């Protein structure tokens, strides 16, 4: 009797294999969304760790609370390096931009 192929019940793996894997357009879209989510999460985490409200951080940066709110929204993609640098300074951080080869794309195992 032959070995049975292992199947997964992990919904993320199933969805990835059905809709993302091998689809270049979907992979690029997924990467873009992950990058936006990462920036939004980092700003939120740093702000809350510093014990600041959106309004307080906005005041430190010289902007409005609504701008900080947008920057913490994973759907926002209008990031401005100058604004991110001001936020970094206010939160005692540095902004790091990194270029990586195209072939180093995220792959889901």
PDB file of N, CA and C in Angstrom:
ATOM      1  N   UNK A   1       0.845  -1.177   0.000  1.00  0.00           N
ATOM      2  CA  UNK A   1       0.000   0.000   0.000  1.00  0.00           C
ATOM      3  C   UNK A   1       0.895   1.246   0.000  1.00  0.00           C
ATOM      4  N   UNK A   2       0.592   2.220  -0.875  1.00  0.00           N
ATOM      5  CA  UNK A   2       1.385   3.437  -1.028  1.00  0.00           C
ATOM      6  C   UNK A   2       1.115   4.428   0.084  1.00  0.00           C
ATOM      7  N   UNK A   3       2.041   5.339   0.214  1.00  0.00           N
ATOM      8  CA  UNK A   3       1.889   6.392   1.214  1.00  0.00           C
ATOM      9  C   UNK A   3       0.804   7.359   0.788  1.00  0.00           C
ATOM     10  N   UNK A   4      -0.017   7.762   1.754  1.00  0.00           N
ATOM     11  CA  UNK A   4      -1.041   8.772   1.499  1.00  0.00           C
ATOM     12  C   UNK A   4      -0.391  10.145   1.473  1.00  0.00           C
ATOM     13  N   UNK A   5      -0.833  10.980   0.536  1.00  0.00           N
ATOM     14  CA  UNK A   5      -0.337  12.342   0.483  1.00  0.00           C
ATOM     15  C   UNK A   5      -0.924  13.121   1.652  1.00  0.00           C
ATOM     16  N   UNK A   6      -0.044  13.831   2.364  1.00  0.00           N
ATOM     17  CA  UNK A   6      -0.497  14.631   3.497  1.00  0.00           C
ATOM     18  C   UNK A   6      -1.292  15.831   3.001  1.00  0.00           C
ATOM     19  N   UNK A   7      -2.454  16.022   3.546  1.00  0.00           N
ATOM     20  CA  UNK A   7      -3.246  17.195   3.209  1.00  0.00           C
ATOM     21  C   UNK A   7      -3.260  18.122   4.412  1.00  0.00           C
ATOM     22  N   UNK A   8      -3.519  19.375   4.142  1.00  0.00           N
ATOM     23  CA  UNK A   8      -3.528  20.360   5.217  1.00  0.00           C
ATOM     24  C   UNK A   8      -4.946  20.856   5.469  1.00  0.00           C
ATOM     25  N   UNK A   9      -5.169  21.275   6.683  1.00  0.00           N
ATOM     26  CA  UNK A   9      -6.445  21.914   7.022  1.00  0.00           C
ATOM     27  C   UNK A   9      -6.218  23.384   7.349  1.00  0.00           C
ATOM     28  N   UNK A  10      -4.985  23.847   7.136  1.00  0.00           N
ATOM     29  CA  UNK A  10      -4.627  25.239   7.397  1.00  0.00           C
ATOM     30  C   UNK A  10      -5.244  26.102   6.295  1.00  0.00           C
ATOM     31  N   UNK A  11      -6.217  26.910   6.660  1.00  0.00           N
ATOM     32  CA  UNK A  11      -6.955  27.720   5.691  1.00  0.00           C
ATOM     33  C   UNK A  11      -6.043  28.664   4.917  1.00  0.00           C
ATOM     34  N   UNK A  12      -5.060  29.248   5.572  1.00  0.00           N
ATOM     35  CA  UNK A  12      -4.158  30.176   4.896  1.00  0.00           C
ATOM     36  C   UNK A  12      -3.367  29.445   3.813  1.00  0.00           C
ATOM     37  N   UNK A  13      -2.862  28.268   4.136  1.00  0.00           N
ATOM     38  CA  UNK A  13      -2.105  27.488   3.148  1.00  0.00           C
ATOM     39  C   UNK A  13      -2.994  27.071   1.982  1.00  0.00           C
ATOM     40  N   UNK A  14      -4.211  26.687   2.280  1.00  0.00           N
ATOM     41  CA  UNK A  14      -5.144  26.277   1.218  1.00  0.00           C
ATOM     42  C   UNK A  14      -5.449  27.458   0.306  1.00  0.00           C
ATOM     43  N   UNK A  15      -5.782  28.606   0.889  1.00  0.00           N
ATOM     44  CA  UNK A  15      -6.091  29.790   0.086  1.00  0.00           C
ATOM     45  C   UNK A  15      -4.875  30.234  -0.732  1.00  0.00           C
ATOM     46  N   UNK A  16      -3.707  30.173  -0.119  1.00  0.00           N
ATOM     47  CA  UNK A  16      -2.497  30.560  -0.830  1.00  0.00           C
ATOM     48  C   UNK A  16      -2.284  29.651  -2.046  1.00  0.00           C
ATOM     49  N   UNK A  17      -2.387  28.365  -1.848  1.00  0.00           N
ATOM     50  CA  UNK A  17      -2.144  27.445  -2.962  1.00  0.00           C
ATOM     51  C   UNK A  17      -3.187  27.586  -4.063  1.00  0.00           C
ATOM     52  N   UNK A  18      -4.413  27.945  -3.714  1.00  0.00           N
ATOM     53  CA  UNK A  18      -5.472  28.086  -4.714  1.00  0.00           C
ATOM     54  C   UNK A  18      -5.430  29.416  -5.457  1.00  0.00           C
ATOM     55  N   UNK A  19      -5.123  30.505  -4.753  1.00  0.00           N
ATOM     56  CA  UNK A  19      -5.300  31.831  -5.338  1.00  0.00           C
ATOM     57  C   UNK A  19      -4.024  32.653  -5.518  1.00  0.00           C
ATOM     58  N   UNK A  20      -2.961  32.313  -4.835  1.00  0.00           N
ATOM     59  CA  UNK A  20      -1.764  33.137  -4.866  1.00  0.00           C
ATOM     60  C   UNK A  20      -0.606  32.442  -5.578  1.00  0.00           C
ATOM     61  N   UNK A  21      -0.300  31.239  -5.167  1.00  0.00           N
ATOM     62  CA  UNK A  21       0.867  30.512  -5.667  1.00  0.00           C
ATOM     63  C   UNK A  21       0.871  30.455  -7.193  1.00  0.00           C
ATOM     64  N   UNK A  22       1.961  30.919  -7.770  1.00  0.00           N
ATOM     65  CA  UNK A  22       2.113  30.871  -9.216  1.00  0.00           C
ATOM     66  C   UNK A  22       1.453  32.014  -9.973  1.00  0.00           C
ATOM     67  N   UNK A  23       0.716  32.863  -9.277  1.00  0.00           N
ATOM     68  CA  UNK A  23       0.032  33.985  -9.917  1.00  0.00           C
ATOM     69  C   UNK A  23       0.829  35.255  -9.604  1.00  0.00           C
ATOM     70  N   UNK A  24       1.611  35.708 -10.573  1.00  0.00           N
ATOM     71  CA  UNK A  24       2.522  36.833 -10.358  1.00  0.00           C
ATOM     72  C   UNK A  24       1.797  38.086  -9.903  1.00  0.00           C
ATOM     73  N   UNK A  25       0.667  38.383 -10.498  1.00  0.00           N
ATOM     74  CA  UNK A  25      -0.083  39.586 -10.143  1.00  0.00           C
ATOM     75  C   UNK A  25      -0.569  39.500  -8.686  1.00  0.00           C
ATOM     76  N   UNK A  26      -1.063  38.353  -8.303  1.00  0.00           N
ATOM     77  CA  UNK A  26      -1.534  38.168  -6.926  1.00  0.00           C
ATOM     78  C   UNK A  26      -0.384  38.236  -5.929  1.00  0.00           C
ATOM     79  N   UNK A  27       0.764  37.670  -6.297  1.00  0.00           N
ATOM     80  CA  UNK A  27       1.934  37.723  -5.418  1.00  0.00           C
ATOM     81  C   UNK A  27       2.392  39.159  -5.199  1.00  0.00           C
ATOM     82  N   UNK A  28       2.413  39.949  -6.274  1.00  0.00           N
ATOM     83  CA  UNK A  28       2.821  41.352  -6.153  1.00  0.00           C
ATOM     84  C   UNK A  28       1.840  42.132  -5.292  1.00  0.00           C
ATOM     85  N   UNK A  29       0.563  41.869  -5.474  1.00  0.00           N
ATOM     86  CA  UNK A  29      -0.462  42.539  -4.678  1.00  0.00           C
ATOM     87  C   UNK A  29      -0.329  42.172  -3.202  1.00  0.00           C
ATOM     88  N   UNK A  30      -0.087  40.911  -2.938  1.00  0.00           N
ATOM     89  CA  UNK A  30       0.085  40.440  -1.564  1.00  0.00           C
ATOM     90  C   UNK A  30       1.295  41.109  -0.919  1.00  0.00           C
ATOM     91  N   UNK A  31       2.397  41.208  -1.658  1.00  0.00           N
ATOM     92  CA  UNK A  31       3.591  41.864  -1.127  1.00  0.00           C
ATOM     93  C   UNK A  31       3.317  43.320  -0.788  1.00  0.00           C
ATOM     94  N   UNK A  32       2.615  44.011  -1.668  1.00  0.00           N
ATOM     95  CA  UNK A  32       2.304  45.420  -1.436  1.00  0.00           C
ATOM     96  C   UNK A  32       1.451  45.576  -0.179  1.00  0.00           C
ATOM     97  N   UNK A  33       0.445  44.730  -0.023  1.00  0.00           N
ATOM     98  CA  UNK A  33      -0.430  44.803   1.150  1.00  0.00           C
ATOM     99  C   UNK A  33       0.332  44.496   2.426  1.00  0.00           C
ATOM    100  N   UNK A  34       1.238  43.538   2.368  1.00  0.00           N
ATOM    101  CA  UNK A  34       2.041  43.201   3.547  1.00  0.00           C
ATOM    102  C   UNK A  34       2.942  44.366   3.945  1.00  0.00           C
ATOM    103  N   UNK A  35       3.504  45.047   2.958  1.00  0.00           N
ATOM    104  CA  UNK A  35       4.375  46.197   3.251  1.00  0.00           C
ATOM    105  C   UNK A  35       3.576  47.320   3.903  1.00  0.00           C
ATOM    106  N   UNK A  36       2.386  47.601   3.373  1.00  0.00           N
ATOM    107  CA  UNK A  36       1.547  48.652   3.966  1.00  0.00           C
ATOM    108  C   UNK A  36       1.164  48.285   5.392  1.00  0.00           C
ATOM    109  N   UNK A  37       0.789  47.034   5.598  1.00  0.00           N
ATOM    110  CA  UNK A  37       0.421  46.575   6.934  1.00  0.00           C
ATOM    111  C   UNK A  37       1.595  46.713   7.894  1.00  0.00           C
ATOM    112  N   UNK A  38       2.780  46.377   7.430  1.00  0.00           N
ATOM    113  CA  UNK A  38       3.965  46.460   8.284  1.00  0.00           C
ATOM    114  C   UNK A  38       4.224  47.890   8.750  1.00  0.00           C
ATOM    115  N   UNK A  39       4.137  48.857   7.836  1.00  0.00           N
ATOM    116  CA  UNK A  39       4.373  50.255   8.204  1.00  0.00           C
ATOM    117  C   UNK A  39       3.319  50.715   9.202  1.00  0.00           C
ATOM    118  N   UNK A  40       2.059  50.415   8.906  1.00  0.00           N
ATOM    119  CA  UNK A  40       0.968  50.827   9.795  1.00  0.00           C
ATOM    120  C   UNK A  40       1.134  50.226  11.190  1.00  0.00           C
ATOM    121  N   UNK A  41       1.454  48.938  11.251  1.00  0.00           N
ATOM    122  CA  UNK A  41       1.632  48.267  12.541  1.00  0.00           C
ATOM    123  C   UNK A  41       2.794  48.867  13.322  1.00  0.00           C
ATOM    124  N   UNK A  42       3.898  49.153  12.631  1.00  0.00           N
ATOM    125  CA  UNK A  42       5.064  49.700  13.310  1.00  0.00           C
ATOM    126  C   UNK A  42       4.769  51.065  13.920  1.00  0.00           C
ATOM    127  N   UNK A  43       4.102  51.919  13.166  1.00  0.00           N
ATOM    128  CA  UNK A  43       3.766  53.242  13.695  1.00  0.00           C
ATOM    129  C   UNK A  43       2.862  53.103  14.914  1.00  0.00           C
ATOM    130  N   UNK A  44       1.837  52.268  14.793  1.00  0.00           N
ATOM    131  CA  UNK A  44       0.904  52.062  15.903  1.00  0.00           C
ATOM    132  C   UNK A  44       1.637  51.516  17.134  1.00  0.00           C
ATOM    133  N   UNK A  45       2.438  50.478  16.938  1.00  0.00           N
ATOM    134  CA  UNK A  45       3.140  49.846  18.058  1.00  0.00           C
ATOM    135  C   UNK A  45       4.097  50.821  18.743  1.00  0.00           C
ATOM    136  N   UNK A  46       4.847  51.566  17.956  1.00  0.00           N
ATOM    137  CA  UNK A  46       5.793  52.523  18.543  1.00  0.00           C
ATOM    138  C   UNK A  46       5.063  53.634  19.297  1.00  0.00           C
ATOM    139  N   UNK A  47       3.969  54.120  18.712  1.00  0.00           N
ATOM    140  CA  UNK A  47       3.200  55.192  19.360  1.00  0.00           C
ATOM    141  C   UNK A  47       2.609  54.716  20.673  1.00  0.00           C
ATOM    142  N   UNK A  48       1.968  53.553  20.657  1.00  0.00           N
ATOM    143  CA  UNK A  48       1.332  53.068  21.887  1.00  0.00           C
ATOM    144  C   UNK A  48       2.374  52.679  22.935  1.00  0.00           C
ATOM    145  N   UNK A  49       3.500  52.147  22.490  1.00  0.00           N
ATOM    146  CA  UNK A  49       4.572  51.801  23.432  1.00  0.00           C
ATOM    147  C   UNK A  49       5.110  53.060  24.114  1.00  0.00           C
ATOM    148  N   UNK A  50       5.108  54.168  23.373  1.00  0.00           N
ATOM    149  CA  UNK A  50       5.557  55.446  23.938  1.00  0.00           C
ATOM    150  C   UNK A  50       4.481  56.092  24.807  1.00  0.00           C
ATOM    151  N   UNK A  51       3.291  55.486  24.845  1.00  0.00           N
ATOM    152  CA  UNK A  51       2.208  56.017  25.668  1.00  0.00           C
ATOM    153  C   UNK A  51       1.577  57.273  25.097  1.00  0.00           C
ATOM    154  N   UNK A  52       1.633  57.423  23.796  1.00  0.00           N
ATOM    155  CA  UNK A  52       1.103  58.619  23.149  1.00  0.00           C
ATOM    156  C   UNK A  52      -0.227  58.354  22.452  1.00  0.00           C
ATOM    157  N   UNK A  53      -1.067  59.343  22.443  1.00  0.00           N
ATOM    158  CA  UNK A  53      -2.279  59.280  21.631  1.00  0.00           C
ATOM    159  C   UNK A  53      -1.904  59.719  20.217  1.00  0.00           C
ATOM    160  N   UNK A  54      -2.808  59.484  19.286  1.00  0.00           N
ATOM    161  CA  UNK A  54      -2.575  59.959  17.919  1.00  0.00           C
ATOM    162  C   UNK A  54      -2.426  61.481  17.911  1.00  0.00           C
ATOM    163  N   UNK A  55      -3.235  62.149  18.690  1.00  0.00           N
ATOM    164  CA  UNK A  55      -3.195  63.612  18.750  1.00  0.00           C
ATOM    165  C   UNK A  55      -1.861  64.105  19.304  1.00  0.00           C
ATOM    166  N   UNK A  56      -1.355  63.444  20.338  1.00  0.00           N
ATOM    167  CA  UNK A  56      -0.075  63.843  20.926  1.00  0.00           C
ATOM    168  C   UNK A  56       1.073  63.653  19.933  1.00  0.00           C
ATOM    169  N   UNK A  57       1.072  62.500  19.247  1.00  0.00           N
ATOM    170  CA  UNK A  57       2.122  62.256  18.258  1.00  0.00           C
ATOM    171  C   UNK A  57       2.021  63.269  17.123  1.00  0.00           C
ATOM    172  N   UNK A  58       0.814  63.549  16.683  1.00  0.00           N
ATOM    173  CA  UNK A  58       0.605  64.524  15.615  1.00  0.00           C
ATOM    174  C   UNK A  58       1.183  65.878  16.004  1.00  0.00           C
ATOM    175  N   UNK A  59       0.954  66.278  17.230  1.00  0.00           N
ATOM    176  CA  UNK A  59       1.467  67.563  17.710  1.00  0.00           C
ATOM    177  C   UNK A  59       2.992  67.574  17.684  1.00  0.00           C
ATOM    178  N   UNK A  60       3.603  66.479  18.069  1.00  0.00           N
ATOM    179  CA  UNK A  60       5.063  66.378  18.073  1.00  0.00           C
ATOM    180  C   UNK A  60       5.635  66.434  16.659  1.00  0.00           C
ATOM    181  N   UNK A  61       4.877  65.916  15.710  1.00  0.00           N
ATOM    182  CA  UNK A  61       5.336  65.815  14.323  1.00  0.00           C
ATOM    183  C   UNK A  61       4.973  67.062  13.513  1.00  0.00           C
ATOM    184  N   UNK A  62       4.011  67.823  14.011  1.00  0.00           N
ATOM    185  CA  UNK A  62       3.577  69.009  13.291  1.00  0.00           C
ATOM    186  C   UNK A  62       2.527  68.708  12.245  1.00  0.00           C
ATOM    187  N   UNK A  63       1.643  67.778  12.577  1.00  0.00           N
ATOM    188  CA  UNK A  63       0.564  67.405  11.668  1.00  0.00           C
ATOM    189  C   UNK A  63      -0.714  67.255  12.467  1.00  0.00           C
ATOM    190  N   UNK A  64      -1.712  66.629  11.874  1.00  0.00           N
ATOM    191  CA  UNK A  64      -2.989  66.451  12.562  1.00  0.00           C
ATOM    192  C   UNK A  64      -3.191  64.995  12.974  1.00  0.00           C
ATOM    193  N   UNK A  65      -4.117  64.819  13.891  1.00  0.00           N
ATOM    194  CA  UNK A  65      -4.451  63.472  14.352  1.00  0.00           C
ATOM    195  C   UNK A  65      -4.940  62.613  13.199  1.00  0.00           C
ATOM    196  N   UNK A  66      -5.675  63.199  12.267  1.00  0.00           N
ATOM    197  CA  UNK A  66      -6.209  62.409  11.152  1.00  0.00           C
ATOM    198  C   UNK A  66      -5.095  61.865  10.249  1.00  0.00           C
ATOM    199  N   UNK A  67      -4.000  62.600  10.142  1.00  0.00           N
ATOM    200  CA  UNK A  67      -2.862  62.101   9.358  1.00  0.00           C
ATOM    201  C   UNK A  67      -2.258  60.878  10.039  1.00  0.00           C
ATOM    202  N   UNK A  68      -2.082  60.950  11.338  1.00  0.00           N
ATOM    203  CA  UNK A  68      -1.540  59.805  12.089  1.00  0.00           C
ATOM    204  C   UNK A  68      -2.495  58.621  11.965  1.00  0.00           C
ATOM    205  N   UNK A  69      -3.783  58.877  12.052  1.00  0.00           N
ATOM    206  CA  UNK A  69      -4.776  57.818  11.901  1.00  0.00           C
ATOM    207  C   UNK A  69      -4.653  57.136  10.534  1.00  0.00           C
ATOM    208  N   UNK A  70      -4.493  57.933   9.489  1.00  0.00           N
ATOM    209  CA  UNK A  70      -4.340  57.362   8.144  1.00  0.00           C
ATOM    210  C   UNK A  70      -3.071  56.532   8.041  1.00  0.00           C
ATOM    211  N   UNK A  71      -1.981  57.030   8.633  1.00  0.00           N
ATOM    212  CA  UNK A  71      -0.713  56.305   8.581  1.00  0.00           C
ATOM    213  C   UNK A  71      -0.784  54.965   9.314  1.00  0.00           C
ATOM    214  N   UNK A  72      -1.658  54.873  10.303  1.00  0.00           N
ATOM    215  CA  UNK A  72      -1.821  53.631  11.058  1.00  0.00           C
ATOM    216  C   UNK A  72      -2.858  52.702  10.417  1.00  0.00           C
ATOM    217  N   UNK A  73      -3.403  53.103   9.305  1.00  0.00           N
ATOM    218  CA  UNK A  73      -4.404  52.311   8.585  1.00  0.00           C
ATOM    219  C   UNK A  73      -3.702  51.469   7.526  1.00  0.00           C
ATOM    220  N   UNK A  74      -3.864  50.156   7.572  1.00  0.00           N
ATOM    221  CA  UNK A  74      -3.195  49.253   6.643  1.00  0.00           C
ATOM    222  C   UNK A  74      -3.637  49.455   5.199  1.00  0.00           C
ATOM    223  N   UNK A  75      -4.744  50.133   4.965  1.00  0.00           N
ATOM    224  CA  UNK A  75      -5.201  50.386   3.603  1.00  0.00           C
ATOM    225  C   UNK A  75      -4.568  51.634   2.994  1.00  0.00           C
ATOM    226  N   UNK A  76      -3.869  52.414   3.779  1.00  0.00           N
ATOM    227  CA  UNK A  76      -3.272  53.668   3.312  1.00  0.00           C
ATOM    228  C   UNK A  76      -1.980  53.377   2.571  1.00  0.00           C
ATOM    229  N   UNK A  77      -1.781  54.040   1.440  1.00  0.00           N
ATOM    230  CA  UNK A  77      -0.529  53.828   0.722  1.00  0.00           C
ATOM    231  C   UNK A  77       0.118  55.139   0.261  1.00  0.00           C
ATOM    232  N   UNK A  78      -0.227  56.241   0.902  1.00  0.00           N
ATOM    233  CA  UNK A  78       0.343  57.534   0.542  1.00  0.00           C
ATOM    234  C   UNK A  78       1.489  57.944   1.447  1.00  0.00           C
ATOM    235  N   UNK A  79       2.300  56.988   1.868  1.00  0.00           N
ATOM    236  CA  UNK A  79       3.393  57.292   2.781  1.00  0.00           C
ATOM    237  C   UNK A  79       4.368  58.277   2.162  1.00  0.00           C
ATOM    238  N   UNK A  80       4.857  59.168   2.995  1.00  0.00           N
ATOM    239  CA  UNK A  80       5.798  60.196   2.604  1.00  0.00           C
ATOM    240  C   UNK A  80       7.022  60.014   3.484  1.00  0.00           C
ATOM    241  N   UNK A  81       8.171  59.882   2.873  1.00  0.00           N
ATOM    242  CA  UNK A  81       9.389  59.621   3.640  1.00  0.00           C
ATOM    243  C   UNK A  81       9.680  60.731   4.644  1.00  0.00           C
ATOM    244  N   UNK A  82       9.397  61.958   4.286  1.00  0.00           N
ATOM    245  CA  UNK A  82       9.643  63.080   5.209  1.00  0.00           C
ATOM    246  C   UNK A  82       8.763  62.949   6.453  1.00  0.00           C
ATOM    247  N   UNK A  83       7.508  62.587   6.278  1.00  0.00           N
ATOM    248  CA  UNK A  83       6.600  62.407   7.423  1.00  0.00           C
ATOM    249  C   UNK A  83       7.040  61.230   8.278  1.00  0.00           C
ATOM    250  N   UNK A  84       7.410  60.131   7.630  1.00  0.00           N
ATOM    251  CA  UNK A  84       7.887  58.969   8.388  1.00  0.00           C
ATOM    252  C   UNK A  84       9.146  59.316   9.175  1.00  0.00           C
ATOM    253  N   UNK A  85      10.011  60.140   8.592  1.00  0.00           N
ATOM    254  CA  UNK A  85      11.235  60.555   9.299  1.00  0.00           C
ATOM    255  C   UNK A  85      10.894  61.406  10.522  1.00  0.00           C
ATOM    256  N   UNK A  86       9.906  62.291  10.400  1.00  0.00           N
ATOM    257  CA  UNK A  86       9.489  63.107  11.549  1.00  0.00           C
ATOM    258  C   UNK A  86       8.907  62.235  12.656  1.00  0.00           C
ATOM    259  N   UNK A  87       8.125  61.239  12.268  1.00  0.00           N
ATOM    260  CA  UNK A  87       7.556  60.309  13.251  1.00  0.00           C
ATOM    261  C   UNK A  87       8.685  59.542  13.938  1.00  0.00           C
ATOM    262  N   UNK A  88       9.645  59.085  13.143  1.00  0.00           N
ATOM    263  CA  UNK A  88      10.779  58.343  13.705  1.00  0.00           C
ATOM    264  C   UNK A  88      11.529  59.188  14.724  1.00  0.00           C
ATOM    265  N   UNK A  89      11.783  60.427  14.390  1.00  0.00           N
ATOM    266  CA  UNK A  89      12.493  61.319  15.320  1.00  0.00           C
ATOM    267  C   UNK A  89      11.693  61.498  16.609  1.00  0.00           C
ATOM    268  N   UNK A  90      10.396  61.724  16.466  1.00  0.00           N
ATOM    269  CA  UNK A  90       9.535  61.918  17.643  1.00  0.00           C
ATOM    270  C   UNK A  90       9.517  60.687  18.538  1.00  0.00           C
ATOM    271  N   UNK A  91       9.667  59.514  17.935  1.00  0.00           N
ATOM    272  CA  UNK A  91       9.610  58.260  18.692  1.00  0.00           C
ATOM    273  C   UNK A  91      10.998  57.677  18.948  1.00  0.00           C
ATOM    274  N   UNK A  92      12.031  58.481  18.728  1.00  0.00           N
ATOM    275  CA  UNK A  92      13.421  58.078  18.977  1.00  0.00           C
ATOM    276  C   UNK A  92      13.792  56.823  18.176  1.00  0.00           C
ATOM    277  N   UNK A  93      13.450  56.876  16.903  1.00  0.00           N
ATOM    278  CA  UNK A  93      13.735  55.777  15.989  1.00  0.00           C
ATOM    279  C   UNK A  93      14.439  56.330  14.749  1.00  0.00           C
ATOM    280  N   UNK A  94      14.800  55.431  13.843  1.00  0.00           N
ATOM    281  CA  UNK A  94      15.340  55.800  12.545  1.00  0.00           C
ATOM    282  C   UNK A  94      14.508  55.084  11.488  1.00  0.00           C
ATOM    283  N   UNK A  95      14.351  55.723  10.338  1.00  0.00           N
ATOM    284  CA  UNK A  95      13.679  55.080   9.211  1.00  0.00           C
ATOM    285  C   UNK A  95      14.763  54.420   8.373  1.00  0.00           C
ATOM    286  N   UNK A  96      14.509  53.201   7.959  1.00  0.00           N
ATOM    287  CA  UNK A  96      15.459  52.480   7.119  1.00  0.00           C
ATOM    288  C   UNK A  96      14.746  52.031   5.850  1.00  0.00           C
ATOM    289  N   UNK A  97      15.276  52.434   4.710  1.00  0.00           N
ATOM    290  CA  UNK A  97      14.741  52.003   3.419  1.00  0.00           C
ATOM    291  C   UNK A  97      15.735  51.021   2.843  1.00  0.00           C
ATOM    292  N   UNK A  98      15.231  49.921   2.310  1.00  0.00           N
ATOM    293  CA  UNK A  98      16.125  48.891   1.813  1.00  0.00           C
ATOM    294  C   UNK A  98      15.637  48.406   0.460  1.00  0.00           C
ATOM    295  N   UNK A  99      16.541  48.328  -0.499  1.00  0.00           N
ATOM    296  CA  UNK A  99      16.228  47.752  -1.797  1.00  0.00           C
ATOM    297  C   UNK A  99      16.701  46.306  -1.796  1.00  0.00           C
ATOM    298  N   UNK A 100      15.851  45.415  -2.266  1.00  0.00           N
ATOM    299  CA  UNK A 100      16.197  43.995  -2.318  1.00  0.00           C
ATOM    300  C   UNK A 100      15.948  43.476  -3.732  1.00  0.00           C
ATOM    301  N   UNK A 101      16.686  42.461  -4.143  1.00  0.00           N
ATOM    302  CA  UNK A 101      16.483  41.904  -5.484  1.00  0.00           C
ATOM    303  C   UNK A 101      15.051  41.390  -5.657  1.00  0.00           C
ATOM    304  N   UNK A 102      14.547  41.491  -6.876  1.00  0.00           N
ATOM    305  CA  UNK A 102      13.192  41.035  -7.160  1.00  0.00           C
ATOM    306  C   UNK A 102      12.995  39.564  -6.842  1.00  0.00           C
ATOM    307  N   UNK A 103      14.037  38.765  -6.987  1.00  0.00           N
ATOM    308  CA  UNK A 103      13.880  37.332  -6.766  1.00  0.00           C
ATOM    309  C   UNK A 103      13.830  36.942  -5.296  1.00  0.00           C
ATOM    310  N   UNK A 104      13.867  37.935  -4.392  1.00  0.00           N
ATOM    311  CA  UNK A 104      13.795  37.635  -2.964  1.00  0.00           C
ATOM    312  C   UNK A 104      12.379  37.804  -2.441  1.00  0.00           C
ATOM    313  N   UNK A 105      11.401  37.585  -3.297  1.00  0.00           N
ATOM    314  CA  UNK A 105       9.997  37.716  -2.940  1.00  0.00           C
ATOM    315  C   UNK A 105       9.626  36.747  -1.812  1.00  0.00           C
ATOM    316  N   UNK A 106       8.599  37.124  -1.112  1.00  0.00           N
ATOM    317  CA  UNK A 106       8.077  36.279  -0.047  1.00  0.00           C
ATOM    318  C   UNK A 106       7.488  35.013  -0.666  1.00  0.00           C
ATOM    319  N   UNK A 107       7.836  33.890  -0.133  1.00  0.00           N
ATOM    320  CA  UNK A 107       7.210  32.640  -0.586  1.00  0.00           C
ATOM    321  C   UNK A 107       6.628  31.938   0.614  1.00  0.00           C
ATOM    322  N   UNK A 108       5.447  31.468   0.436  1.00  0.00           N
ATOM    323  CA  UNK A 108       4.748  30.775   1.525  1.00  0.00           C
ATOM    324  C   UNK A 108       5.035  29.289   1.382  1.00  0.00           C
ATOM    325  N   UNK A 109       5.574  28.696   2.405  1.00  0.00           N
ATOM    326  CA  UNK A 109       5.933  27.269   2.361  1.00  0.00           C
ATOM    327  C   UNK A 109       4.726  26.371   2.380  1.00  0.00           C
TER     328      UNK A 109
END
